[in-house]
Amino acid sequence: LENFVSNNRTIEIDDEVRAQVSSADLDSKEMEYCVISPQIELREIVASNPKLTTKFAQWMSTDIEPSVRASVASNPNLDPTVILKLSSDPHISVVAAAAQNPILSSSKLVELSKHRSYIVRTEVAKNPTTPVANLETLSQDSEWGVRRGVATNSESSQDILDNLAADPI
């Protein structure tokens, strides 16, 4: 990667590059190169880096590409205020990515559990930090995928699981 950074060339993204860019050992110069790269996939990968700085995360949270913002929203190692901001993004995939992030605040998860999109509600249902009272409500959602999300949540109570087990779908 260092060779590409110093020559400012397009990087062929293979498994080795993915591993290096998403690694906590990525040096700051290489990270900066990836953050500002014209290659969307490279920006998506670096957004998942556990050592992504708050400065870069905030900058990437305004990226023109929703897929990059969604990758930032999925990163559980960032400042929670960045994830909170992305949970109000105009693009549904970004909101859904934030809804599955365990560092999103409980109050925002409660709000998103009532979202008009089943995609967002499904991600809230799967999030282990969603309050149990909201899992109870989501377990009765009209969309089967949301109910399935509750069923896969490790924090769902035995009562919730028993009720879901009786679900005909």
Protein backbone atom coordinates (compact mmCIF):
# COMPACT_ATOMS: atom_id res chain seq x y z
CA LEU A 1 0.00 0.00 0.00
CA GLU A 2 2.85 2.39 0.82
CA ASN A 3 4.12 2.12 -2.78
CA PHE A 4 0.71 3.15 -4.14
CA VAL A 5 0.39 6.02 -1.67
CA SER A 6 3.78 7.47 -2.61
CA ASN A 7 3.06 7.11 -6.34
CA ASN A 8 -0.57 8.29 -6.05
CA ARG A 9 -1.85 5.43 -8.22
CA THR A 10 -5.09 3.51 -8.30
CA ILE A 11 -4.96 0.53 -5.98
CA GLU A 12 -6.12 -2.89 -7.07
CA ILE A 13 -8.22 -3.96 -4.12
CA ASP A 14 -7.65 -7.58 -3.19
CA ASP A 15 -7.93 -9.48 0.10
CA GLU A 16 -4.47 -8.35 1.20
CA VAL A 17 -5.28 -4.67 0.62
CA ARG A 18 -8.66 -5.07 2.38
CA ALA A 19 -6.93 -6.59 5.41
CA GLN A 20 -4.27 -3.89 5.49
CA VAL A 21 -6.67 -0.94 5.10
CA SER A 22 -9.07 -2.25 7.75
CA SER A 23 -6.23 -3.09 10.17
CA ALA A 24 -5.62 -1.09 13.35
CA ASP A 25 -1.96 -1.06 12.28
CA LEU A 26 -2.59 1.16 9.23
CA ASP A 27 -0.30 4.15 9.52
CA SER A 28 -1.73 7.67 9.53
CA LYS A 29 -0.37 8.66 6.11
CA GLU A 30 -1.88 5.56 4.48
CA MET A 31 -5.14 6.12 6.34
CA GLU A 32 -5.35 9.69 5.08
CA TYR A 33 -4.67 8.49 1.53
CA CYS A 34 -7.55 6.01 1.80
CA VAL A 35 -9.93 8.54 3.35
CA ILE A 36 -9.45 10.99 0.47
CA SER A 37 -9.09 8.39 -2.27
CA PRO A 38 -11.27 8.73 -5.38
CA GLN A 39 -11.83 4.96 -5.08
CA ILE A 40 -15.17 4.48 -3.34
CA GLU A 41 -14.40 0.92 -2.26
CA LEU A 42 -11.18 2.03 -0.59
CA ARG A 43 -13.06 4.72 1.37
CA GLU A 44 -15.68 2.12 2.39
CA ILE A 45 -12.99 -0.20 3.70
CA VAL A 46 -11.06 2.43 5.66
CA ALA A 47 -14.34 3.60 7.22
CA SER A 48 -14.45 0.27 9.08
CA ASN A 49 -10.95 0.70 10.50
CA PRO A 50 -11.08 0.45 14.31
CA LYS A 51 -8.53 3.26 14.61
CA LEU A 52 -10.29 5.68 12.24
CA THR A 53 -9.77 9.06 13.84
CA THR A 54 -12.70 11.22 14.89
CA LYS A 55 -11.51 13.89 12.46
CA PHE A 56 -11.60 11.46 9.53
CA ALA A 57 -14.88 9.90 10.69
CA GLN A 58 -16.55 13.30 10.86
CA TRP A 59 -15.23 14.19 7.44
CA MET A 60 -16.31 10.86 5.94
CA SER A 61 -19.77 11.21 7.50
CA THR A 62 -20.43 13.85 4.83
CA ASP A 63 -19.08 11.77 1.92
CA ILE A 64 -21.13 12.09 -1.26
CA GLU A 65 -21.44 8.28 -1.49
CA PRO A 66 -24.10 6.78 0.80
CA SER A 67 -22.16 3.49 0.89
CA VAL A 68 -19.18 5.27 2.47
CA ARG A 69 -21.41 7.00 5.05
CA ALA A 70 -23.04 3.63 5.78
CA SER A 71 -19.61 2.07 6.39
CA VAL A 72 -18.80 4.87 8.83
CA ALA A 73 -22.19 4.40 10.53
CA SER A 74 -21.42 0.68 11.02
CA ASN A 75 -18.08 1.26 12.77
CA PRO A 76 -18.55 0.49 16.50
CA ASN A 77 -15.22 2.10 17.43
CA LEU A 78 -16.09 5.71 16.68
CA ASP A 79 -17.27 8.67 18.70
CA PRO A 80 -20.99 8.00 19.33
CA THR A 81 -21.86 11.54 18.21
CA VAL A 82 -20.78 10.65 14.67
CA ILE A 83 -23.11 7.63 14.65
CA LEU A 84 -25.93 9.70 16.12
CA LYS A 85 -25.55 12.25 13.32
CA LEU A 86 -25.59 9.51 10.68
CA SER A 87 -28.74 7.99 12.18
CA SER A 88 -30.59 11.01 10.74
CA ASP A 89 -29.03 10.76 7.28
CA PRO A 90 -31.38 11.22 4.30
CA HIS A 91 -30.32 7.85 2.81
CA ILE A 92 -32.07 4.79 4.26
CA SER A 93 -29.00 2.53 4.03
CA VAL A 94 -27.03 4.93 6.22
CA VAL A 95 -29.80 5.11 8.83
CA ALA A 96 -30.07 1.30 8.80
CA ALA A 97 -26.31 0.95 9.29
CA ALA A 98 -26.41 3.34 12.25
CA ALA A 99 -29.41 1.44 13.69
CA GLN A 100 -27.39 -1.78 13.89
CA ASN A 101 -24.42 -0.09 15.59
CA PRO A 102 -24.25 -1.05 19.30
CA ILE A 103 -22.88 2.37 20.29
CA LEU A 104 -26.01 4.20 19.10
CA SER A 105 -27.83 5.71 22.07
CA SER A 106 -30.84 3.93 23.54
CA SER A 107 -33.00 7.00 23.01
CA LYS A 108 -32.21 7.02 19.29
CA LEU A 109 -32.84 3.27 19.06
CA VAL A 110 -36.24 3.82 20.67
CA GLU A 111 -36.98 6.52 18.09
CA LEU A 112 -35.78 4.34 15.19
CA SER A 113 -37.85 1.38 16.41
CA LYS A 114 -40.85 3.39 15.15
CA HIS A 115 -39.26 4.25 11.78
CA ARG A 116 -41.51 3.99 8.72
CA SER A 117 -39.04 1.68 6.99
CA TYR A 118 -39.01 -1.99 7.96
CA ILE A 119 -35.33 -2.04 6.92
CA VAL A 120 -34.43 0.33 9.75
CA ARG A 121 -36.76 -1.41 12.24
CA THR A 122 -35.12 -4.74 11.35
CA GLU A 123 -31.66 -3.39 12.18
CA VAL A 124 -32.96 -1.95 15.47
CA ALA A 125 -34.51 -5.35 16.24
CA LYS A 126 -31.13 -7.07 15.77
CA ASN A 127 -29.17 -4.51 17.81
CA PRO A 128 -28.20 -6.05 21.19
CA THR A 129 -28.42 -2.65 22.91
CA THR A 130 -32.08 -2.06 21.95
CA PRO A 131 -34.12 -1.80 25.16
CA VAL A 132 -36.13 -4.95 25.91
CA ALA A 133 -39.39 -2.96 25.98
CA ASN A 134 -38.77 -2.01 22.36
CA LEU A 135 -37.90 -5.58 21.44
CA GLU A 136 -41.29 -6.55 22.84
CA THR A 137 -43.00 -4.00 20.57
CA LEU A 138 -40.88 -4.99 17.57
CA SER A 139 -41.72 -8.66 18.17
CA GLN A 140 -45.29 -7.75 17.16
CA ASP A 141 -44.29 -5.77 14.04
CA SER A 142 -46.34 -6.39 10.90
CA GLU A 143 -43.16 -7.23 8.95
CA TRP A 144 -41.88 -10.78 9.48
CA GLY A 145 -38.26 -9.69 8.92
CA VAL A 146 -38.47 -7.34 11.88
CA ARG A 147 -39.85 -10.14 14.04
CA ARG A 148 -37.06 -12.43 12.82
CA GLY A 149 -34.56 -9.73 13.82
CA VAL A 150 -35.97 -9.78 17.35
CA ALA A 151 -35.73 -13.58 17.38
CA THR A 152 -32.01 -13.42 16.54
CA ASN A 153 -31.28 -10.75 19.16
CA SER A 154 -29.34 -12.26 22.05
CA GLU A 155 -31.07 -9.89 24.47
CA SER A 156 -34.63 -11.00 23.67
CA SER A 157 -36.36 -12.42 26.72
CA GLN A 158 -37.63 -15.98 26.89
CA ASP A 159 -41.22 -14.64 26.83
CA ILE A 160 -40.54 -12.77 23.59
CA LEU A 161 -38.95 -15.85 22.06
CA ASP A 162 -41.84 -18.07 23.17
CA ASN A 163 -44.34 -15.70 21.54
CA LEU A 164 -42.29 -15.54 18.35
CA ALA A 165 -42.05 -19.34 18.26
CA ALA A 166 -45.85 -19.42 18.02
CA ASP A 167 -45.78 -17.04 15.04
CA PRO A 168 -47.26 -18.82 11.99
CA ILE A 169 -44.66 -17.23 9.72
